[in-house]
Amino acid sequence: MIYTVTLNPSIDYHVWLPSMQEGTIHQVQKEWKVAGGKGINVSKVLRNLGCRSIALGFIGGFTGAFIRQQLEQEGIEHRLIPVAQDSRINVKIKAERETDLSGVSPLISAEAQSQLMEQLDQLGSGDFLVLAGSVPESMPPNIYQIIMNQMNRQQVRVILDAKGAALGNSLAEKPFLIKPNHHELGELFGVNVQTAEEAVRCGKRALEMGAVNVIVSMAGKGAVFVNREQAFVAEFPRQQAINSIGAGDSMVAGFLYAFTRGLDVRESFRFAVASGCTTAISEGFCTPAAIEAFLPLITIHEA
């Protein structure tokens, strides 16, 4: 079974404006409200691909009710734990440039945190756990590291999609897969990653710190995969991106979907890249038809 953990789910409120100017009233052209959070996004893409997953995390208030309702309408199983305060609302303003406003996280009580750890106690060998997104301030900053330590004892393979200290402090727990973008990877090592060669070098440093597999997304410049035996670079025709939300999450879901169906890491990487690209050029998440159409456009070569 694949489980996803979203510690900080949200309603993502997308609004489209012809232009934006500070200090004035704007008439919204179009709006879209959707249950968000990186782990939830992974579950949504897996659902699009016909793959079952179970979403874990915390929700609260009227916003949490919206998140729960949307997951149930989309047929996504969940065991979301209720908290007292409202789940956050993130605003995505799409004008000449895209502007994001990240909402305030709810307080996650010690009791709710214990409930999550009890849920994770039930996972076992053969299961995959996706840990993705930000950590609420009321939780320990090393919570991913704590969870991964427990999952190692239970022989659960962990996919970690985080950045900064949440990523760096967790590498010693040997995550099965990490998926930073090139900015996040550069931040981890205090360097500026601009090319595939630089991404491969930094990816290998992440392997030395404990990661088993590393995918680095580089926006229109392609993507990189490294593990201890192989290193690949993916290239594809530059596309006009219209959606910055969920492309990385789609890569995680695509890799998991392909790998759990027996594809080798090279072809799983190719499927991951197609998943991320087709989400980036769509207003929603990738679909099987879009992925299949994009796969032949991807060139994979050894680094």
Protein backbone atom coordinates (compact mmCIF):
# COMPACT_ATOMS: atom_id res chain seq x y z
CA MET A 1 0.00 0.00 0.00
CA ILE A 2 1.04 3.59 -0.66
CA TYR A 3 0.37 6.08 2.12
CA THR A 4 0.79 9.84 1.82
CA VAL A 5 1.30 12.20 4.76
CA THR A 6 0.35 15.87 4.51
CA LEU A 7 1.00 17.55 7.84
CA ASN A 8 -0.19 20.95 6.59
CA PRO A 9 -3.10 20.52 4.12
CA SER A 10 -4.80 23.54 2.65
CA ILE A 11 -7.49 24.88 0.46
CA ASP A 12 -5.64 26.26 -2.54
CA TYR A 13 -7.63 29.23 -3.83
CA HIS A 14 -6.55 30.09 -7.38
CA VAL A 15 -7.61 33.45 -8.85
CA TRP A 16 -6.93 34.78 -12.34
CA LEU A 17 -6.51 38.53 -12.97
CA PRO A 18 -5.63 40.37 -16.20
CA SER A 19 -3.13 42.41 -14.15
CA MET A 20 -2.46 43.23 -10.51
CA GLN A 21 -1.69 46.57 -8.91
CA GLU A 22 -1.16 47.15 -5.21
CA GLY A 23 -3.74 49.20 -3.33
CA THR A 24 -6.62 48.75 -5.79
CA ILE A 25 -9.71 46.55 -6.12
CA HIS A 26 -9.50 43.86 -8.79
CA GLN A 27 -12.29 41.91 -10.47
CA VAL A 28 -11.39 38.23 -10.59
CA GLN A 29 -11.82 36.70 -14.05
CA LYS A 30 -11.83 33.09 -12.91
CA GLU A 31 -11.38 31.20 -9.65
CA TRP A 32 -10.74 27.63 -8.57
CA LYS A 33 -10.83 26.13 -5.07
CA VAL A 34 -9.14 22.80 -4.50
CA ALA A 35 -7.91 20.66 -1.63
CA GLY A 36 -4.15 21.08 -1.57
CA GLY A 37 -0.97 19.98 0.12
CA LYS A 38 1.87 18.00 -1.43
CA GLY A 39 0.94 14.58 -0.06
CA ILE A 40 -2.69 15.08 -1.03
CA ASN A 41 -1.55 16.06 -4.52
CA VAL A 42 0.40 12.79 -4.78
CA SER A 43 -2.73 10.87 -3.79
CA LYS A 44 -4.75 12.75 -6.42
CA VAL A 45 -2.32 11.90 -9.20
CA LEU A 46 -2.17 8.26 -8.10
CA ARG A 47 -5.98 8.23 -8.22
CA ASN A 48 -5.86 9.62 -11.79
CA LEU A 49 -3.55 6.74 -12.68
CA GLY A 50 -5.90 4.17 -11.14
CA CYS A 51 -3.60 3.47 -8.18
CA ARG A 52 -4.94 3.22 -4.65
CA SER A 53 -3.39 5.21 -1.81
CA ILE A 54 -4.42 6.30 1.67
CA ALA A 55 -4.00 9.97 2.67
CA LEU A 56 -2.94 10.75 6.23
CA GLY A 57 -2.58 14.10 7.97
CA PHE A 58 -4.54 16.72 9.90
CA ILE A 59 -7.61 18.80 9.03
CA GLY A 60 -9.71 21.26 11.01
CA GLY A 61 -12.69 23.59 10.82
CA PHE A 62 -14.77 24.49 7.77
CA THR A 63 -11.69 24.41 5.55
CA GLY A 64 -10.85 20.92 6.78
CA ALA A 65 -14.41 19.83 6.01
CA PHE A 66 -13.94 21.06 2.42
CA ILE A 67 -10.68 19.11 2.10
CA ARG A 68 -12.27 15.93 3.44
CA GLN A 69 -15.33 16.30 1.22
CA GLN A 70 -13.26 16.81 -1.92
CA LEU A 71 -11.09 13.78 -1.25
CA GLU A 72 -14.18 11.64 -0.71
CA GLN A 73 -15.80 12.98 -3.90
CA GLU A 74 -12.66 12.04 -5.83
CA GLY A 75 -12.60 8.54 -4.37
CA ILE A 76 -9.40 9.01 -2.36
CA GLU A 77 -9.22 7.01 0.85
CA HIS A 78 -8.11 8.97 3.89
CA ARG A 79 -7.60 8.71 7.64
CA LEU A 80 -7.27 12.43 8.31
CA ILE A 81 -7.12 13.39 11.98
CA PRO A 82 -9.33 16.29 13.16
CA VAL A 83 -7.78 19.28 14.93
CA ALA A 84 -9.50 22.25 16.59
CA GLN A 85 -8.31 25.12 14.39
CA ASP A 86 -9.06 25.72 10.70
CA SER A 87 -6.84 24.21 8.05
CA ARG A 88 -5.01 26.93 6.17
CA ILE A 89 -6.00 28.67 2.94
CA ASN A 90 -3.28 29.34 0.35
CA VAL A 91 -4.00 31.98 -2.29
CA LYS A 92 -2.51 31.63 -5.78
CA ILE A 93 -2.82 34.88 -7.74
CA LYS A 94 -2.24 34.44 -11.48
CA ALA A 95 -1.69 37.79 -13.21
CA GLU A 96 1.33 38.99 -15.22
CA ARG A 97 3.33 36.95 -12.74
CA GLU A 98 2.18 34.33 -10.26
CA THR A 99 2.05 35.34 -6.58
CA ASP A 100 1.47 32.88 -3.74
CA LEU A 101 0.18 33.68 -0.25
CA SER A 102 0.65 30.83 2.23
CA GLY A 103 -1.91 30.72 5.04
CA VAL A 104 -1.41 30.21 8.76
CA SER A 105 -1.18 26.59 9.91
CA PRO A 106 -3.48 25.26 12.64
CA LEU A 107 -2.15 24.16 15.99
CA ILE A 108 -1.47 20.41 15.97
CA SER A 109 -1.96 19.12 19.51
CA ALA A 110 0.27 16.51 21.12
CA GLU A 111 -2.73 14.17 21.14
CA ALA A 112 -3.25 14.55 17.38
CA GLN A 113 0.45 13.97 16.76
CA SER A 114 0.29 10.78 18.83
CA GLN A 115 -2.70 9.61 16.78
CA LEU A 116 -0.67 9.99 13.58
CA MET A 117 2.22 7.98 15.02
CA GLU A 118 -0.25 5.25 16.04
CA GLN A 119 -1.57 5.14 12.47
CA LEU A 120 1.98 4.82 11.16
CA ASP A 121 2.59 1.92 13.57
CA GLN A 122 0.27 -0.14 11.34
CA LEU A 123 2.51 0.13 8.25
CA GLY A 124 4.81 -2.75 7.38
CA SER A 125 7.22 -4.32 4.94
CA GLY A 126 6.22 -3.68 1.33
CA ASP A 127 4.44 -0.42 2.09
CA PHE A 128 5.54 2.98 0.75
CA LEU A 129 5.13 6.22 2.69
CA VAL A 130 5.27 9.65 1.05
CA LEU A 131 6.26 12.51 3.38
CA ALA A 132 5.69 15.75 1.53
CA GLY A 133 5.40 19.45 2.22
CA SER A 134 5.89 21.89 5.06
CA VAL A 135 5.80 21.15 8.78
CA PRO A 136 3.42 23.19 11.01
CA GLU A 137 5.24 25.30 13.58
CA SER A 138 3.49 23.45 16.42
CA MET A 139 5.20 20.17 15.42
CA PRO A 140 8.83 19.22 16.03
CA PRO A 141 10.99 20.53 13.16
CA ASN A 142 12.59 17.07 12.91
CA ILE A 143 9.25 15.22 12.70
CA TYR A 144 10.12 13.72 9.31
CA GLN A 145 13.33 12.34 10.77
CA ILE A 146 11.38 10.86 13.70
CA ILE A 147 8.84 9.24 11.36
CA MET A 148 11.53 7.87 9.05
CA ASN A 149 13.44 6.34 11.94
CA GLN A 150 10.28 4.49 12.93
CA MET A 151 9.56 3.46 9.33
CA ASN A 152 13.06 2.00 8.96
CA ARG A 153 12.35 -0.30 11.89
CA GLN A 154 9.11 -1.35 10.18
CA GLN A 155 10.85 -1.85 6.79
CA VAL A 156 8.69 0.79 5.09
CA ARG A 157 10.23 2.60 2.11
CA VAL A 158 9.92 6.38 2.49
CA ILE A 159 9.72 8.98 -0.25
CA LEU A 160 10.66 12.42 1.08
CA ASP A 161 9.71 15.61 -0.75
CA ALA A 162 10.83 18.42 1.52
CA LYS A 163 13.38 21.21 1.55
CA GLY A 164 15.80 22.98 3.86
CA ALA A 165 16.42 21.49 7.29
CA ALA A 166 13.49 19.06 6.91
CA LEU A 167 15.37 17.51 3.98
CA GLY A 168 18.94 17.80 5.17
CA ASN A 169 18.29 16.46 8.67
CA SER A 170 16.44 13.43 7.31
CA LEU A 171 18.98 12.09 4.80
CA ALA A 172 20.74 10.03 7.48
CA GLU A 173 17.53 7.98 7.76
CA LYS A 174 18.14 6.69 4.20
CA PRO A 175 14.97 7.73 2.35
CA PHE A 176 14.17 5.49 -0.62
CA LEU A 177 13.64 8.58 -2.80
CA ILE A 178 14.05 12.33 -2.47
CA LYS A 179 12.84 14.81 -5.10
CA PRO A 180 14.18 18.32 -4.60
CA ASN A 181 14.10 20.85 -7.41
CA HIS A 182 17.45 22.34 -8.45
CA HIS A 183 16.97 25.39 -6.21
CA GLU A 184 16.22 23.23 -3.15
CA LEU A 185 19.17 20.93 -3.90
CA GLY A 186 21.48 23.91 -4.25
CA GLU A 187 20.20 25.39 -1.00
CA LEU A 188 20.96 22.09 0.75
CA PHE A 189 24.66 22.35 -0.17
CA GLY A 190 25.03 26.13 -0.32
CA VAL A 191 25.64 26.22 -4.07
CA ASN A 192 23.85 27.45 -7.18
CA VAL A 193 22.68 24.50 -9.31
CA GLN A 194 22.02 25.54 -12.90
CA THR A 195 23.06 22.60 -15.09
CA ALA A 196 22.37 18.88 -15.20
CA GLU A 197 26.05 18.18 -14.46
CA GLU A 198 25.86 20.29 -11.29
CA ALA A 199 22.62 18.55 -10.30
CA VAL A 200 24.27 15.13 -10.74
CA ARG A 201 27.22 16.17 -8.57
CA CYS A 202 24.95 17.46 -5.80
CA GLY A 203 22.66 14.46 -6.15
CA LYS A 204 25.64 12.19 -5.52
CA ARG A 205 26.45 14.20 -2.40
CA ALA A 206 22.88 13.51 -1.21
CA LEU A 207 23.54 9.80 -1.81
CA GLU A 208 26.65 10.02 0.37
CA MET A 209 24.46 11.51 3.11
CA GLY A 210 22.04 8.57 2.95
CA ALA A 211 19.50 8.97 0.13
CA VAL A 212 18.95 5.81 -1.95
CA ASN A 213 17.50 7.43 -5.09
CA VAL A 214 17.45 11.12 -6.05
CA ILE A 215 15.33 12.89 -8.67
CA VAL A 216 16.10 16.56 -9.32
CA SER A 217 13.54 18.57 -11.29
CA MET A 218 15.00 21.49 -13.23
CA ALA A 219 11.88 23.12 -14.71
CA GLY A 220 12.35 23.59 -18.47
CA LYS A 221 15.97 22.39 -18.29
CA GLY A 222 15.01 18.75 -17.80
CA ALA A 223 15.53 16.45 -14.83
CA VAL A 224 18.21 14.25 -13.28
CA PHE A 225 18.12 10.85 -11.60
CA VAL A 226 20.96 9.37 -9.57
CA ASN A 227 21.51 6.37 -7.35
CA ARG A 228 24.63 4.44 -6.42
CA GLU A 229 24.65 2.43 -9.65
CA GLN A 230 23.24 4.78 -12.28
CA ALA A 231 22.83 8.42 -13.26
CA PHE A 232 20.47 9.69 -15.96
CA VAL A 233 19.54 13.01 -17.49
CA ALA A 234 16.08 13.53 -19.02
CA GLU A 235 15.54 16.08 -21.76
CA PHE A 236 12.31 17.12 -23.45
CA PRO A 237 11.03 19.89 -25.72
CA ARG A 238 10.49 23.13 -23.85
CA GLN A 239 6.79 23.63 -23.16
CA GLN A 240 4.79 26.67 -22.08
CA ALA A 241 4.11 26.03 -18.39
CA ILE A 242 0.71 27.23 -17.23
CA ASN A 243 0.55 25.49 -13.84
CA SER A 244 3.25 25.67 -11.17
CA ILE A 245 1.20 23.71 -8.63
CA GLY A 246 1.68 19.97 -8.34
CA ALA A 247 4.26 19.28 -11.06
CA GLY A 248 6.81 18.02 -8.53
CA ASP A 249 4.13 16.04 -6.70
CA SER A 250 3.15 14.49 -10.03
CA MET A 251 6.76 13.37 -10.54
CA VAL A 252 6.73 11.63 -7.17
CA ALA A 253 3.41 9.93 -7.94
CA GLY A 254 4.52 8.97 -11.44
CA PHE A 255 7.73 7.37 -10.21
CA LEU A 256 5.91 5.46 -7.48
CA TYR A 257 3.21 4.29 -9.87
CA ALA A 258 5.70 2.99 -12.42
CA PHE A 259 8.12 1.48 -9.89
CA THR A 260 5.41 -0.40 -8.00
CA ARG A 261 4.28 -1.88 -11.32
CA GLY A 262 7.66 -3.41 -12.00
CA LEU A 263 9.36 -0.85 -14.24
CA ASP A 264 13.08 -0.36 -13.69
CA VAL A 265 14.37 2.92 -12.31
CA ARG A 266 15.21 4.32 -15.77
CA GLU A 267 11.67 3.83 -17.09
CA SER A 268 10.14 4.85 -13.77
CA PHE A 269 12.15 8.07 -14.05
CA ARG A 270 10.87 8.59 -17.61
CA PHE A 271 7.28 8.09 -16.41
CA ALA A 272 7.91 10.53 -13.53
CA VAL A 273 9.19 13.20 -15.92
CA ALA A 274 6.19 12.75 -18.24
CA SER A 275 3.85 13.04 -15.25
CA GLY A 276 5.44 16.27 -14.04
CA CYS A 277 5.59 17.82 -17.50
CA THR A 278 1.97 17.11 -18.37
CA THR A 279 0.80 18.59 -15.08
CA ALA A 280 2.89 21.72 -15.73
CA ILE A 281 1.21 22.29 -19.11
CA SER A 282 -2.32 21.59 -17.83
CA GLU A 283 -4.70 23.45 -15.54
CA GLY A 284 -5.25 20.26 -13.54
CA PHE A 285 -3.18 17.18 -12.81
CA CYS A 286 -1.75 14.81 -15.38
CA THR A 287 -3.87 12.03 -16.88
CA PRO A 288 -2.85 8.63 -18.29
CA ALA A 289 -3.61 9.77 -21.85
CA ALA A 290 -1.51 12.93 -21.52
CA ILE A 291 1.39 11.00 -20.00
CA GLU A 292 1.36 8.35 -22.74
CA ALA A 293 1.36 11.07 -25.40
CA PHE A 294 4.34 12.82 -23.77
CA LEU A 295 6.54 9.78 -23.09
CA PRO A 296 7.98 9.56 -26.63
CA LEU A 297 9.13 13.20 -26.40
CA ILE A 298 11.52 12.42 -23.51
CA THR A 299 15.15 11.53 -24.18
CA ILE A 300 17.05 9.74 -21.42
CA HIS A 301 20.83 9.46 -21.51
CA GLU A 302 23.44 8.40 -19.00
CA ALA A 303 25.17 11.18 -17.10
